[in-house]
Amino acid sequence: MNKNSSLTGRASLDFHQRLLLMAGVGSFWGFSIGSFIGGRHAGLQYLAENAHRLPTTVQGWYFYHKTKNYRMALGGIKRGARYAVRTGGLCLMYGAVEGGLDHVRGETDVANSVAAGVVSGAVFSAFTKLSRGSVRYSIMFGAAFGLVTGGLSDIHRYISGNSPTYLAWIKSRLDTNKQL
């Protein structure tokens, strides 16, 4: 592995920058999705709790919707924060496993990304106590995610002029077969 492969291997970022970016983006999307789900759930819960005593005046409806909006915002922030921590942690774990495998193997390629995806899917399944069929789906989703992200990273490296070593190995094998 050359000295520049750690910088050009994964989106032209070093390990710590990549971890920070992955955790930040994961937390942002987790908060966005969680706040949407939490706000909608809180709004429906408020409606269910107050369906037996709906307001009858204009001022009553104003305060009903005002309180409902406050409850929706609070519910969205609470659930958004929980989802942000979970998805940010999962993205951080994926990045740490991927970076650790890059360091141990001395090569940044798609195999490390797939392995990190499988590990992330297995850990996610263990923490959420999924059923056996869902565990298999979660691990396959992690492997597919790793394949896509690792493949895109390898394409980025190839376009940058620093092709992955497995491409050189494949080319040498093809050249050997042509000589025979």
N, C-alpha and C. Protein backbone atom coordinates (compact mmCIF):
# COMPACT_ATOMS: atom_id res chain seq x y z
N MET A 1 0.85 -1.18 0.00
CA MET A 1 0.00 0.00 0.00
C MET A 1 0.89 1.23 0.00
N ASN A 2 0.64 2.15 -0.88
CA ASN A 2 1.45 3.36 -0.89
C ASN A 2 0.90 4.37 0.11
N LYS A 3 1.66 5.43 0.36
CA LYS A 3 1.28 6.39 1.40
C LYS A 3 0.03 7.18 1.03
N ASN A 4 -0.24 7.36 -0.24
CA ASN A 4 -1.39 8.16 -0.66
C ASN A 4 -2.67 7.35 -0.74
N SER A 5 -2.62 6.03 -0.63
CA SER A 5 -3.84 5.25 -0.81
C SER A 5 -4.82 5.48 0.33
N SER A 6 -4.32 5.82 1.54
CA SER A 6 -5.25 6.10 2.62
C SER A 6 -5.99 7.41 2.39
N LEU A 7 -5.36 8.33 1.64
CA LEU A 7 -6.02 9.60 1.36
C LEU A 7 -6.93 9.51 0.14
N THR A 8 -6.55 8.74 -0.85
CA THR A 8 -7.35 8.67 -2.06
C THR A 8 -8.24 7.43 -2.09
N GLY A 9 -8.15 6.56 -1.08
CA GLY A 9 -8.92 5.32 -1.10
C GLY A 9 -10.38 5.50 -0.79
N ARG A 10 -10.67 6.39 0.11
CA ARG A 10 -12.05 6.55 0.55
C ARG A 10 -12.46 8.01 0.47
N ALA A 11 -12.96 8.42 -0.65
CA ALA A 11 -13.50 9.78 -0.87
C ALA A 11 -12.48 10.87 -0.58
N SER A 12 -11.21 10.59 -0.79
CA SER A 12 -10.12 11.55 -0.59
C SER A 12 -10.09 12.13 0.83
N LEU A 13 -10.52 11.35 1.81
CA LEU A 13 -10.54 11.77 3.21
C LEU A 13 -9.73 10.78 4.04
N ASP A 14 -9.07 11.29 5.09
CA ASP A 14 -8.38 10.36 5.97
C ASP A 14 -9.41 9.71 6.91
N PHE A 15 -8.94 8.79 7.71
CA PHE A 15 -9.82 7.95 8.53
C PHE A 15 -10.70 8.77 9.47
N HIS A 16 -10.12 9.69 10.21
CA HIS A 16 -10.88 10.45 11.19
C HIS A 16 -11.89 11.40 10.53
N GLN A 17 -11.51 12.02 9.44
CA GLN A 17 -12.45 12.88 8.72
C GLN A 17 -13.62 12.07 8.18
N ARG A 18 -13.31 10.89 7.67
CA ARG A 18 -14.35 10.03 7.12
C ARG A 18 -15.32 9.57 8.21
N LEU A 19 -14.78 9.19 9.38
CA LEU A 19 -15.65 8.78 10.49
C LEU A 19 -16.55 9.92 10.93
N LEU A 20 -15.99 11.10 11.05
CA LEU A 20 -16.77 12.26 11.46
C LEU A 20 -17.86 12.57 10.44
N LEU A 21 -17.52 12.52 9.17
CA LEU A 21 -18.50 12.78 8.12
C LEU A 21 -19.60 11.73 8.11
N MET A 22 -19.20 10.45 8.20
CA MET A 22 -20.21 9.38 8.17
C MET A 22 -21.15 9.48 9.37
N ALA A 23 -20.60 9.70 10.56
CA ALA A 23 -21.44 9.81 11.75
C ALA A 23 -22.34 11.04 11.68
N GLY A 24 -21.80 12.14 11.17
CA GLY A 24 -22.60 13.36 11.06
C GLY A 24 -23.74 13.23 10.08
N VAL A 25 -23.46 12.69 8.92
CA VAL A 25 -24.51 12.51 7.91
C VAL A 25 -25.54 11.50 8.39
N GLY A 26 -25.07 10.41 9.00
CA GLY A 26 -26.00 9.41 9.55
C GLY A 26 -26.89 10.00 10.63
N SER A 27 -26.31 10.81 11.51
CA SER A 27 -27.10 11.44 12.57
C SER A 27 -28.11 12.43 11.99
N PHE A 28 -27.69 13.18 10.99
CA PHE A 28 -28.61 14.13 10.35
C PHE A 28 -29.82 13.42 9.76
N TRP A 29 -29.56 12.35 8.98
CA TRP A 29 -30.68 11.63 8.37
C TRP A 29 -31.51 10.92 9.42
N GLY A 30 -30.87 10.39 10.46
CA GLY A 30 -31.62 9.77 11.54
C GLY A 30 -32.52 10.76 12.24
N PHE A 31 -31.99 11.97 12.50
CA PHE A 31 -32.82 12.99 13.14
C PHE A 31 -33.97 13.40 12.23
N SER A 32 -33.70 13.55 10.94
CA SER A 32 -34.75 13.96 10.00
C SER A 32 -35.88 12.94 9.95
N ILE A 33 -35.52 11.69 9.80
CA ILE A 33 -36.54 10.63 9.71
C ILE A 33 -37.25 10.47 11.05
N GLY A 34 -36.48 10.46 12.15
CA GLY A 34 -37.07 10.30 13.47
C GLY A 34 -38.00 11.44 13.85
N SER A 35 -37.63 12.67 13.49
CA SER A 35 -38.50 13.79 13.83
C SER A 35 -39.78 13.76 13.01
N PHE A 36 -39.71 13.32 11.77
CA PHE A 36 -40.92 13.19 10.96
C PHE A 36 -41.85 12.14 11.57
N ILE A 37 -41.31 10.98 11.89
CA ILE A 37 -42.12 9.90 12.46
C ILE A 37 -42.66 10.29 13.84
N GLY A 38 -41.77 10.87 14.66
CA GLY A 38 -42.19 11.25 16.01
C GLY A 38 -43.23 12.34 16.02
N GLY A 39 -43.09 13.33 15.14
CA GLY A 39 -44.08 14.40 15.07
C GLY A 39 -45.44 13.88 14.61
N ARG A 40 -45.42 13.02 13.61
CA ARG A 40 -46.69 12.46 13.12
C ARG A 40 -47.36 11.61 14.21
N HIS A 41 -46.55 10.80 14.91
CA HIS A 41 -47.09 9.95 15.97
C HIS A 41 -47.66 10.79 17.11
N ALA A 42 -46.94 11.86 17.49
CA ALA A 42 -47.42 12.72 18.58
C ALA A 42 -48.71 13.43 18.18
N GLY A 43 -48.82 13.85 16.92
CA GLY A 43 -50.04 14.49 16.46
C GLY A 43 -51.24 13.55 16.50
N LEU A 44 -51.03 12.32 16.07
CA LEU A 44 -52.12 11.35 16.10
C LEU A 44 -52.48 10.98 17.53
N GLN A 45 -51.48 10.90 18.40
CA GLN A 45 -51.75 10.59 19.80
C GLN A 45 -52.54 11.73 20.45
N TYR A 46 -52.20 12.96 20.16
CA TYR A 46 -52.94 14.10 20.70
C TYR A 46 -54.39 14.08 20.21
N LEU A 47 -54.57 13.76 18.94
CA LEU A 47 -55.93 13.67 18.41
C LEU A 47 -56.72 12.57 19.12
N ALA A 48 -56.08 11.42 19.33
CA ALA A 48 -56.77 10.31 19.99
C ALA A 48 -57.10 10.65 21.44
N GLU A 49 -56.22 11.34 22.12
CA GLU A 49 -56.46 11.68 23.52
C GLU A 49 -57.54 12.75 23.69
N ASN A 50 -57.73 13.57 22.67
CA ASN A 50 -58.67 14.68 22.79
C ASN A 50 -59.87 14.55 21.86
N ALA A 51 -60.10 13.40 21.28
CA ALA A 51 -61.21 13.22 20.33
C ALA A 51 -62.56 13.33 21.03
N HIS A 52 -62.62 13.02 22.30
CA HIS A 52 -63.90 13.05 23.01
C HIS A 52 -64.29 14.46 23.45
N ARG A 53 -63.38 15.41 23.36
CA ARG A 53 -63.67 16.78 23.80
C ARG A 53 -63.10 17.80 22.82
N LEU A 54 -63.56 17.74 21.61
CA LEU A 54 -63.11 18.69 20.60
C LEU A 54 -63.65 20.09 20.89
N PRO A 55 -62.90 21.11 20.53
CA PRO A 55 -63.34 22.48 20.80
C PRO A 55 -64.58 22.86 19.98
N THR A 56 -65.30 23.84 20.50
CA THR A 56 -66.51 24.29 19.80
C THR A 56 -66.42 25.73 19.34
N THR A 57 -65.45 26.48 19.84
CA THR A 57 -65.32 27.89 19.45
C THR A 57 -64.07 28.07 18.60
N VAL A 58 -63.97 29.22 17.97
CA VAL A 58 -62.80 29.54 17.15
C VAL A 58 -61.56 29.61 18.04
N GLN A 59 -61.71 30.26 19.20
CA GLN A 59 -60.58 30.36 20.12
C GLN A 59 -60.18 28.97 20.62
N GLY A 60 -61.13 28.11 20.86
CA GLY A 60 -60.85 26.74 21.29
C GLY A 60 -60.06 25.97 20.23
N TRP A 61 -60.45 26.12 18.97
CA TRP A 61 -59.72 25.45 17.89
C TRP A 61 -58.31 26.00 17.75
N TYR A 62 -58.16 27.31 17.95
CA TYR A 62 -56.83 27.92 17.89
C TYR A 62 -55.92 27.27 18.93
N PHE A 63 -56.37 27.20 20.19
CA PHE A 63 -55.55 26.62 21.24
C PHE A 63 -55.36 25.11 21.07
N TYR A 64 -56.36 24.45 20.50
CA TYR A 64 -56.23 23.02 20.22
C TYR A 64 -55.07 22.77 19.25
N HIS A 65 -55.06 23.51 18.13
CA HIS A 65 -54.00 23.32 17.14
C HIS A 65 -52.65 23.83 17.65
N LYS A 66 -52.66 24.90 18.43
CA LYS A 66 -51.41 25.41 19.00
C LYS A 66 -50.79 24.37 19.91
N THR A 67 -51.58 23.78 20.79
CA THR A 67 -51.07 22.75 21.69
C THR A 67 -50.65 21.51 20.92
N LYS A 68 -51.45 21.14 19.92
CA LYS A 68 -51.10 19.98 19.09
C LYS A 68 -49.77 20.20 18.39
N ASN A 69 -49.54 21.40 17.85
CA ASN A 69 -48.27 21.69 17.17
C ASN A 69 -47.09 21.64 18.14
N TYR A 70 -47.28 22.16 19.36
CA TYR A 70 -46.21 22.07 20.35
C TYR A 70 -45.90 20.62 20.70
N ARG A 71 -46.92 19.82 20.88
CA ARG A 71 -46.72 18.40 21.18
C ARG A 71 -46.04 17.67 20.02
N MET A 72 -46.44 18.03 18.79
CA MET A 72 -45.81 17.41 17.62
C MET A 72 -44.33 17.79 17.54
N ALA A 73 -44.01 19.04 17.81
CA ALA A 73 -42.61 19.47 17.77
C ALA A 73 -41.80 18.75 18.85
N LEU A 74 -42.34 18.67 20.05
CA LEU A 74 -41.63 17.99 21.13
C LEU A 74 -41.46 16.50 20.84
N GLY A 75 -42.53 15.86 20.35
CA GLY A 75 -42.44 14.45 19.99
C GLY A 75 -41.44 14.21 18.87
N GLY A 76 -41.41 15.12 17.90
CA GLY A 76 -40.46 15.00 16.80
C GLY A 76 -39.03 15.16 17.26
N ILE A 77 -38.79 16.12 18.15
CA ILE A 77 -37.42 16.32 18.64
C ILE A 77 -36.97 15.13 19.48
N LYS A 78 -37.84 14.62 20.32
CA LYS A 78 -37.47 13.47 21.16
C LYS A 78 -37.12 12.24 20.31
N ARG A 79 -38.03 11.88 19.41
CA ARG A 79 -37.77 10.70 18.59
C ARG A 79 -36.64 10.95 17.60
N GLY A 80 -36.53 12.16 17.10
CA GLY A 80 -35.43 12.51 16.20
C GLY A 80 -34.09 12.34 16.88
N ALA A 81 -33.99 12.75 18.14
CA ALA A 81 -32.73 12.60 18.87
C ALA A 81 -32.39 11.12 19.07
N ARG A 82 -33.38 10.31 19.38
CA ARG A 82 -33.12 8.87 19.54
C ARG A 82 -32.65 8.25 18.23
N TYR A 83 -33.33 8.56 17.14
CA TYR A 83 -32.93 8.03 15.84
C TYR A 83 -31.56 8.54 15.42
N ALA A 84 -31.26 9.81 15.74
CA ALA A 84 -29.95 10.38 15.38
C ALA A 84 -28.83 9.63 16.07
N VAL A 85 -29.01 9.32 17.34
CA VAL A 85 -27.97 8.59 18.08
C VAL A 85 -27.82 7.18 17.50
N ARG A 86 -28.92 6.53 17.21
CA ARG A 86 -28.86 5.16 16.68
C ARG A 86 -28.21 5.10 15.30
N THR A 87 -28.68 5.92 14.39
CA THR A 87 -28.13 5.86 13.03
C THR A 87 -26.71 6.41 12.97
N GLY A 88 -26.44 7.44 13.76
CA GLY A 88 -25.08 7.96 13.82
C GLY A 88 -24.12 6.92 14.38
N GLY A 89 -24.54 6.20 15.41
CA GLY A 89 -23.72 5.14 15.98
C GLY A 89 -23.50 4.00 15.01
N LEU A 90 -24.54 3.63 14.27
CA LEU A 90 -24.40 2.56 13.29
C LEU A 90 -23.44 2.97 12.17
N CYS A 91 -23.55 4.20 11.70
CA CYS A 91 -22.64 4.68 10.66
C CYS A 91 -21.21 4.79 11.20
N LEU A 92 -21.07 5.20 12.45
CA LEU A 92 -19.75 5.28 13.07
C LEU A 92 -19.13 3.89 13.17
N MET A 93 -19.94 2.90 13.56
CA MET A 93 -19.43 1.53 13.66
C MET A 93 -19.02 1.00 12.29
N TYR A 94 -19.85 1.25 11.28
CA TYR A 94 -19.51 0.81 9.93
C TYR A 94 -18.19 1.41 9.48
N GLY A 95 -18.03 2.71 9.68
CA GLY A 95 -16.80 3.38 9.27
C GLY A 95 -15.59 2.89 10.05
N ALA A 96 -15.77 2.62 11.35
CA ALA A 96 -14.66 2.14 12.17
C ALA A 96 -14.23 0.74 11.74
N VAL A 97 -15.20 -0.13 11.48
CA VAL A 97 -14.87 -1.50 11.04
C VAL A 97 -14.20 -1.44 9.67
N GLU A 98 -14.73 -0.65 8.78
CA GLU A 98 -14.16 -0.52 7.44
C GLU A 98 -12.73 0.03 7.51
N GLY A 99 -12.54 1.08 8.30
CA GLY A 99 -11.20 1.66 8.46
C GLY A 99 -10.24 0.71 9.14
N GLY A 100 -10.73 -0.04 10.13
CA GLY A 100 -9.89 -1.03 10.79
C GLY A 100 -9.46 -2.13 9.84
N LEU A 101 -10.37 -2.59 9.01
CA LEU A 101 -10.01 -3.61 8.02
C LEU A 101 -9.06 -3.05 6.97
N ASP A 102 -9.26 -1.80 6.59
CA ASP A 102 -8.32 -1.15 5.66
C ASP A 102 -6.92 -1.15 6.25
N HIS A 103 -6.83 -0.82 7.53
CA HIS A 103 -5.52 -0.75 8.19
C HIS A 103 -4.90 -2.14 8.35
N VAL A 104 -5.69 -3.12 8.78
CA VAL A 104 -5.18 -4.47 9.00
C VAL A 104 -4.74 -5.12 7.69
N ARG A 105 -5.56 -5.00 6.66
CA ARG A 105 -5.22 -5.62 5.38
C ARG A 105 -4.22 -4.80 4.58
N GLY A 106 -4.09 -3.52 4.88
CA GLY A 106 -3.17 -2.67 4.14
C GLY A 106 -3.68 -2.29 2.77
N GLU A 107 -4.97 -2.45 2.54
CA GLU A 107 -5.56 -2.17 1.23
C GLU A 107 -6.97 -1.64 1.43
N THR A 108 -7.32 -0.59 0.71
CA THR A 108 -8.69 -0.08 0.75
C THR A 108 -9.41 -0.55 -0.50
N ASP A 109 -10.30 -1.52 -0.32
CA ASP A 109 -11.04 -2.02 -1.47
C ASP A 109 -12.44 -2.45 -1.05
N VAL A 110 -13.17 -2.97 -2.00
CA VAL A 110 -14.57 -3.31 -1.81
C VAL A 110 -14.76 -4.44 -0.80
N ALA A 111 -13.79 -5.33 -0.64
CA ALA A 111 -13.93 -6.44 0.30
C ALA A 111 -14.08 -5.93 1.73
N ASN A 112 -13.32 -4.91 2.09
CA ASN A 112 -13.44 -4.35 3.43
C ASN A 112 -14.79 -3.71 3.66
N SER A 113 -15.33 -3.07 2.64
CA SER A 113 -16.64 -2.43 2.75
C SER A 113 -17.74 -3.47 2.91
N VAL A 114 -17.65 -4.56 2.16
CA VAL A 114 -18.65 -5.62 2.27
C VAL A 114 -18.58 -6.26 3.65
N ALA A 115 -17.37 -6.53 4.13
CA ALA A 115 -17.22 -7.12 5.46
C ALA A 115 -17.76 -6.18 6.54
N ALA A 116 -17.48 -4.90 6.42
CA ALA A 116 -18.00 -3.93 7.39
C ALA A 116 -19.53 -3.87 7.33
N GLY A 117 -20.11 -3.97 6.15
CA GLY A 117 -21.56 -4.00 6.02
C GLY A 117 -22.18 -5.23 6.67
N VAL A 118 -21.54 -6.38 6.49
CA VAL A 118 -22.04 -7.61 7.10
C VAL A 118 -21.96 -7.51 8.62
N VAL A 119 -20.84 -7.02 9.14
CA VAL A 119 -20.68 -6.86 10.59
C VAL A 119 -21.72 -5.88 11.12
N SER A 120 -21.91 -4.77 10.44
CA SER A 120 -22.90 -3.77 10.88
C SER A 120 -24.31 -4.35 10.87
N GLY A 121 -24.65 -5.11 9.84
CA GLY A 121 -25.96 -5.75 9.79
C GLY A 121 -26.15 -6.75 10.90
N ALA A 122 -25.10 -7.52 11.22
CA ALA A 122 -25.20 -8.51 12.30
C ALA A 122 -25.34 -7.83 13.66
N VAL A 123 -24.57 -6.78 13.89
CA VAL A 123 -24.66 -6.07 15.17
C VAL A 123 -26.02 -5.38 15.31
N PHE A 124 -26.50 -4.77 14.23
CA PHE A 124 -27.83 -4.15 14.24
C PHE A 124 -28.89 -5.19 14.57
N SER A 125 -28.78 -6.37 13.97
CA SER A 125 -29.76 -7.43 14.23
C SER A 125 -29.71 -7.89 15.67
N ALA A 126 -28.50 -7.97 16.23
CA ALA A 126 -28.37 -8.41 17.62
C ALA A 126 -28.95 -7.38 18.59
N PHE A 127 -28.71 -6.10 18.33
CA PHE A 127 -29.22 -5.06 19.23
C PHE A 127 -30.73 -4.90 19.14
N THR A 128 -31.30 -5.09 17.97
CA THR A 128 -32.74 -4.90 17.81
C THR A 128 -33.52 -6.20 17.97
N LYS A 129 -32.83 -7.32 18.21
CA LYS A 129 -33.45 -8.62 18.47
C LYS A 129 -34.43 -9.00 17.36
N LEU A 130 -33.92 -9.00 16.13
CA LEU A 130 -34.75 -9.33 14.98
C LEU A 130 -35.00 -10.83 14.90
N SER A 131 -36.03 -11.21 14.16
CA SER A 131 -36.31 -12.62 13.92
C SER A 131 -35.26 -13.18 12.96
N ARG A 132 -35.22 -14.49 12.83
CA ARG A 132 -34.20 -15.14 12.01
C ARG A 132 -34.25 -14.68 10.55
N GLY A 133 -35.43 -14.57 9.99
CA GLY A 133 -35.55 -14.10 8.61
C GLY A 133 -35.12 -12.66 8.47
N SER A 134 -35.44 -11.85 9.46
CA SER A 134 -35.05 -10.45 9.41
C SER A 134 -33.54 -10.28 9.60
N VAL A 135 -32.93 -11.18 10.38
CA VAL A 135 -31.47 -11.14 10.55
C VAL A 135 -30.80 -11.38 9.20
N ARG A 136 -31.29 -12.37 8.49
CA ARG A 136 -30.72 -12.67 7.17
C ARG A 136 -30.89 -11.48 6.23
N TYR A 137 -32.05 -10.85 6.25
CA TYR A 137 -32.30 -9.68 5.41
C TYR A 137 -31.38 -8.52 5.82
N SER A 138 -31.21 -8.32 7.11
CA SER A 138 -30.36 -7.23 7.60
C SER A 138 -28.90 -7.44 7.19
N ILE A 139 -28.42 -8.66 7.29
CA ILE A 139 -27.03 -8.95 6.89
C ILE A 139 -26.87 -8.80 5.38
N MET A 140 -27.86 -9.25 4.62
CA MET A 140 -27.78 -9.09 3.16
C MET A 140 -27.85 -7.62 2.77
N PHE A 141 -28.66 -6.84 3.47
CA PHE A 141 -28.73 -5.41 3.20
C PHE A 141 -27.39 -4.74 3.53
N GLY A 142 -26.77 -5.14 4.64
CA GLY A 142 -25.46 -4.61 4.99
C GLY A 142 -24.41 -4.96 3.96
N ALA A 143 -24.45 -6.20 3.47
CA ALA A 143 -23.49 -6.61 2.43
C ALA A 143 -23.73 -5.83 1.14
N ALA A 144 -24.98 -5.64 0.77
CA ALA A 144 -25.29 -4.88 -0.44
C ALA A 144 -24.87 -3.42 -0.28
N PHE A 145 -25.10 -2.85 0.88
CA PHE A 145 -24.67 -1.47 1.14
C PHE A 145 -23.15 -1.38 1.05
N GLY A 146 -22.45 -2.34 1.64
CA GLY A 146 -20.99 -2.35 1.56
C GLY A 146 -20.50 -2.52 0.13
N LEU A 147 -21.18 -3.36 -0.64
CA LEU A 147 -20.79 -3.57 -2.03
C LEU A 147 -20.96 -2.28 -2.84
N VAL A 148 -22.05 -1.59 -2.63
CA VAL A 148 -22.29 -0.34 -3.37
C VAL A 148 -21.28 0.72 -2.96
N THR A 149 -21.11 0.94 -1.64
CA THR A 149 -20.19 2.00 -1.20
C THR A 149 -18.75 1.65 -1.54
N GLY A 150 -18.37 0.39 -1.36
CA GLY A 150 -17.01 -0.02 -1.71
C GLY A 150 -16.78 0.03 -3.21
N GLY A 151 -17.77 -0.36 -3.99
CA GLY A 151 -17.65 -0.29 -5.44
C GLY A 151 -17.51 1.14 -5.92
N LEU A 152 -18.31 2.04 -5.35
CA LEU A 152 -18.19 3.45 -5.72
C LEU A 152 -16.83 4.01 -5.31
N SER A 153 -16.34 3.59 -4.15
CA SER A 153 -15.02 4.04 -3.71
C SER A 153 -13.92 3.52 -4.64
N ASP A 154 -14.03 2.26 -5.08
CA ASP A 154 -13.04 1.72 -6.00
C ASP A 154 -13.12 2.39 -7.37
N ILE A 155 -14.32 2.73 -7.82
CA ILE A 155 -14.47 3.46 -9.08
C ILE A 155 -13.82 4.84 -8.95
N HIS A 156 -14.03 5.49 -7.82
CA HIS A 156 -13.40 6.80 -7.57
C HIS A 156 -11.88 6.67 -7.60
N ARG A 157 -11.35 5.63 -6.98
CA ARG A 157 -9.90 5.41 -7.00
C ARG A 157 -9.39 5.15 -8.41
N TYR A 158 -10.14 4.36 -9.17
CA TYR A 158 -9.72 4.03 -10.53
C TYR A 158 -9.70 5.28 -11.41
N ILE A 159 -10.72 6.11 -11.29
CA ILE A 159 -10.77 7.34 -12.08
C ILE A 159 -9.65 8.29 -11.66
N SER A 160 -9.30 8.27 -10.37
CA SER A 160 -8.22 9.13 -9.87
C SER A 160 -6.84 8.64 -10.29
N GLY A 161 -6.76 7.46 -10.88
CA GLY A 161 -5.48 6.93 -11.34
C GLY A 161 -4.79 6.01 -10.34
N ASN A 162 -5.47 5.67 -9.26
CA ASN A 162 -4.90 4.79 -8.25
C ASN A 162 -5.79 3.55 -8.16
N SER A 163 -5.69 2.67 -9.13
CA SER A 163 -6.62 1.54 -9.21
C SER A 163 -6.36 0.54 -8.08
N PRO A 164 -7.41 -0.14 -7.64
CA PRO A 164 -7.27 -1.15 -6.59
C PRO A 164 -6.36 -2.30 -7.03
N THR A 165 -5.73 -2.95 -6.06
CA THR A 165 -4.76 -4.00 -6.39
C THR A 165 -5.42 -5.22 -7.03
N TYR A 166 -6.68 -5.47 -6.70
CA TYR A 166 -7.31 -6.65 -7.30
C TYR A 166 -7.49 -6.49 -8.81
N LEU A 167 -7.59 -5.25 -9.30
CA LEU A 167 -7.66 -5.05 -10.75
C LEU A 167 -6.33 -5.41 -11.41
N ALA A 168 -5.23 -5.06 -10.78
CA ALA A 168 -3.91 -5.42 -11.31
C ALA A 168 -3.74 -6.95 -11.29
N TRP A 169 -4.25 -7.59 -10.25
CA TRP A 169 -4.15 -9.05 -10.16
C TRP A 169 -4.97 -9.71 -11.28
N ILE A 170 -6.17 -9.19 -11.53
CA ILE A 170 -7.02 -9.74 -12.60
C ILE A 170 -6.35 -9.54 -13.95
N LYS A 171 -5.78 -8.35 -14.18
CA LYS A 171 -5.09 -8.09 -15.45
C LYS A 171 -3.91 -9.03 -15.63
N SER A 172 -3.16 -9.29 -14.56
CA SER A 172 -2.01 -10.20 -14.68
C SER A 172 -2.47 -11.62 -14.97
N ARG A 173 -3.58 -12.04 -14.38
CA ARG A 173 -4.11 -13.38 -14.65
C ARG A 173 -4.59 -13.49 -16.10
N LEU A 174 -5.21 -12.44 -16.61
CA LEU A 174 -5.66 -12.46 -18.00
C LEU A 174 -4.49 -12.48 -18.96
N ASP A 175 -3.43 -11.73 -18.64
CA ASP A 175 -2.24 -11.72 -19.48
C ASP A 175 -1.56 -13.08 -19.46
N THR A 176 -1.56 -13.75 -18.32
CA THR A 176 -0.97 -15.08 -18.21
C THR A 176 -1.75 -16.07 -19.06
N ASN A 177 -3.06 -15.97 -19.07
CA ASN A 177 -3.89 -16.89 -19.88
C ASN A 177 -3.70 -16.62 -21.36
N LYS A 178 -3.46 -15.37 -21.76
CA LYS A 178 -3.26 -15.07 -23.18
C LYS A 178 -1.93 -15.65 -23.67
N GLN A 179 -0.92 -15.70 -22.79
CA GLN A 179 0.39 -16.22 -23.19
C GLN A 179 0.35 -17.73 -23.38
N LEU A 180 -0.56 -18.41 -22.70
CA LEU A 180 -0.64 -19.86 -22.84
C LEU A 180 -1.29 -20.18 -24.14
